[in-house]
C-alpha atoms as a PDB file:
ATOM      1  CA  UNK A   1       2.442  18.322   7.017  1.00  0.00           C
ATOM      2  CA  UNK A   2       0.036  15.450   7.549  1.00  0.00           C
ATOM      3  CA  UNK A   3       0.789  11.745   7.391  1.00  0.00           C
ATOM      4  CA  UNK A   4      -1.549   9.524   5.393  1.00  0.00           C
ATOM      5  CA  UNK A   5      -1.944   5.869   6.331  1.00  0.00           C
ATOM      6  CA  UNK A   6      -2.220   3.736   3.199  1.00  0.00           C
ATOM      7  CA  UNK A   7      -4.367   0.761   4.166  1.00  0.00           C
ATOM      8  CA  UNK A   8      -5.152  -2.479   2.376  1.00  0.00           C
ATOM      9  CA  UNK A   9      -8.460  -1.741   0.633  1.00  0.00           C
ATOM     10  CA  UNK A  10     -11.299  -4.200   0.167  1.00  0.00           C
ATOM     11  CA  UNK A  11     -11.289  -4.718  -3.606  1.00  0.00           C
ATOM     12  CA  UNK A  12     -14.047  -7.342  -3.684  1.00  0.00           C
ATOM     13  CA  UNK A  13     -17.082  -8.418  -1.695  1.00  0.00           C
ATOM     14  CA  UNK A  14     -15.407 -11.551  -0.370  1.00  0.00           C
ATOM     15  CA  UNK A  15     -11.893 -10.160   0.048  1.00  0.00           C
ATOM     16  CA  UNK A  16     -10.645 -10.532   3.624  1.00  0.00           C
ATOM     17  CA  UNK A  17      -6.854 -10.432   3.251  1.00  0.00           C
ATOM     18  CA  UNK A  18      -3.996  -9.828   0.862  1.00  0.00           C
ATOM     19  CA  UNK A  19      -0.252 -10.271   0.496  1.00  0.00           C
ATOM     20  CA  UNK A  20       2.199  -7.559  -0.556  1.00  0.00           C
ATOM     21  CA  UNK A  21       4.051  -9.432  -3.281  1.00  0.00           C
ATOM     22  CA  UNK A  22       6.377  -6.551  -4.201  1.00  0.00           C
ATOM     23  CA  UNK A  23       7.075  -3.009  -3.031  1.00  0.00           C
ATOM     24  CA  UNK A  24       7.845  -0.653  -5.938  1.00  0.00           C
ATOM     25  CA  UNK A  25       8.887   2.255  -3.687  1.00  0.00           C
ATOM     26  CA  UNK A  26      11.203   2.628  -0.712  1.00  0.00           C
ATOM     27  CA  UNK A  27      11.343   4.759   2.431  1.00  0.00           C
ATOM     28  CA  UNK A  28      12.365   8.333   1.641  1.00  0.00           C
ATOM     29  CA  UNK A  29      11.140   8.160  -1.951  1.00  0.00           C
ATOM     30  CA  UNK A  30       8.910  10.917  -3.322  1.00  0.00           C
ATOM     31  CA  UNK A  31       5.679   9.621  -4.859  1.00  0.00           C
ATOM     32  CA  UNK A  32       2.857  11.161  -6.879  1.00  0.00           C
ATOM     33  CA  UNK A  33      -0.864  10.614  -6.325  1.00  0.00           C
ATOM     34  CA  UNK A  34      -1.889   7.597  -8.390  1.00  0.00           C
ATOM     35  CA  UNK A  35       1.630   6.161  -8.521  1.00  0.00           C
ATOM     36  CA  UNK A  36       1.778   2.411  -7.972  1.00  0.00           C
ATOM     37  CA  UNK A  37       3.327   1.701  -4.552  1.00  0.00           C
ATOM     38  CA  UNK A  38       3.113  -2.095  -4.458  1.00  0.00           C
ATOM     39  CA  UNK A  39       1.605  -5.178  -6.017  1.00  0.00           C
ATOM     40  CA  UNK A  40      -0.852  -6.964  -3.748  1.00  0.00           C
ATOM     41  CA  UNK A  41      -2.021 -10.548  -4.237  1.00  0.00           C
ATOM     42  CA  UNK A  42      -5.487 -11.603  -3.179  1.00  0.00           C
ATOM     43  CA  UNK A  43      -6.985 -15.055  -3.559  1.00  0.00           C
ATOM     44  CA  UNK A  44      -8.192 -14.160  -7.056  1.00  0.00           C
ATOM     45  CA  UNK A  45      -5.859 -11.552  -8.612  1.00  0.00           C
ATOM     46  CA  UNK A  46      -2.764  -9.393  -8.216  1.00  0.00           C
ATOM     47  CA  UNK A  47      -3.679  -5.710  -8.021  1.00  0.00           C
ATOM     48  CA  UNK A  48      -1.614  -2.513  -8.100  1.00  0.00           C
ATOM     49  CA  UNK A  49      -1.891  -0.465  -4.895  1.00  0.00           C
ATOM     50  CA  UNK A  50      -1.826   3.232  -5.814  1.00  0.00           C
ATOM     51  CA  UNK A  51      -0.812   6.168  -3.667  1.00  0.00           C
ATOM     52  CA  UNK A  52      -3.791   8.281  -2.588  1.00  0.00           C
ATOM     53  CA  UNK A  53      -1.586  11.385  -2.207  1.00  0.00           C
ATOM     54  CA  UNK A  54       1.637  13.019  -3.350  1.00  0.00           C
ATOM     55  CA  UNK A  55       4.397  13.022  -0.758  1.00  0.00           C
ATOM     56  CA  UNK A  56       7.325  11.117   0.719  1.00  0.00           C
ATOM     57  CA  UNK A  57       7.173   7.501   1.883  1.00  0.00           C
ATOM     58  CA  UNK A  58       7.870   7.659   5.639  1.00  0.00           C
ATOM     59  CA  UNK A  59       7.448   4.041   6.679  1.00  0.00           C
ATOM     60  CA  UNK A  60       6.701   0.675   5.160  1.00  0.00           C
ATOM     61  CA  UNK A  61       4.750  -1.296   7.757  1.00  0.00           C
ATOM     62  CA  UNK A  62       4.275  -4.628   5.960  1.00  0.00           C
ATOM     63  CA  UNK A  63       7.058  -6.763   4.523  1.00  0.00           C
ATOM     64  CA  UNK A  64       6.912  -8.435   1.124  1.00  0.00           C
ATOM     65  CA  UNK A  65       5.261 -11.837   1.449  1.00  0.00           C
ATOM     66  CA  UNK A  66       3.360 -10.926   4.618  1.00  0.00           C
ATOM     67  CA  UNK A  67      -0.368 -11.779   4.747  1.00  0.00           C
ATOM     68  CA  UNK A  68      -2.528  -9.014   6.254  1.00  0.00           C
ATOM     69  CA  UNK A  69      -6.239  -8.394   6.708  1.00  0.00           C
ATOM     70  CA  UNK A  70      -8.231  -5.675   4.940  1.00  0.00           C
ATOM     71  CA  UNK A  71      -7.737  -2.328   6.681  1.00  0.00           C
ATOM     72  CA  UNK A  72      -4.151  -3.011   7.801  1.00  0.00           C
ATOM     73  CA  UNK A  73      -1.812  -0.015   7.390  1.00  0.00           C
ATOM     74  CA  UNK A  74       0.678  -0.956   4.665  1.00  0.00           C
ATOM     75  CA  UNK A  75       2.724   2.243   4.618  1.00  0.00           C
ATOM     76  CA  UNK A  76       2.687   5.878   5.691  1.00  0.00           C
ATOM     77  CA  UNK A  77       3.176   8.851   3.365  1.00  0.00           C
ATOM     78  CA  UNK A  78       3.949  12.398   4.502  1.00  0.00           C
ATOM     79  CA  UNK A  79       1.875  14.645   2.233  1.00  0.00           C
ATOM     80  CA  UNK A  80       3.729  17.329   0.331  1.00  0.00           C
END
């Protein structure tokens, strides 16, 4: 079983950071590929962060309200 790091993607040319405004999943929860994990605010919009894989949420690395730079690991999912 491999663990996938879900990182903050760069959604726009000028995007440098984002804020997790709300987690929609919790540790231990089973998720499907494409399922929305969290809402992320950037300076221009709020965007849904989708799971790249199906599996179980192992860790949430970033708290709600925390500002992080592009590429930061937001959570880890153990692939099923």
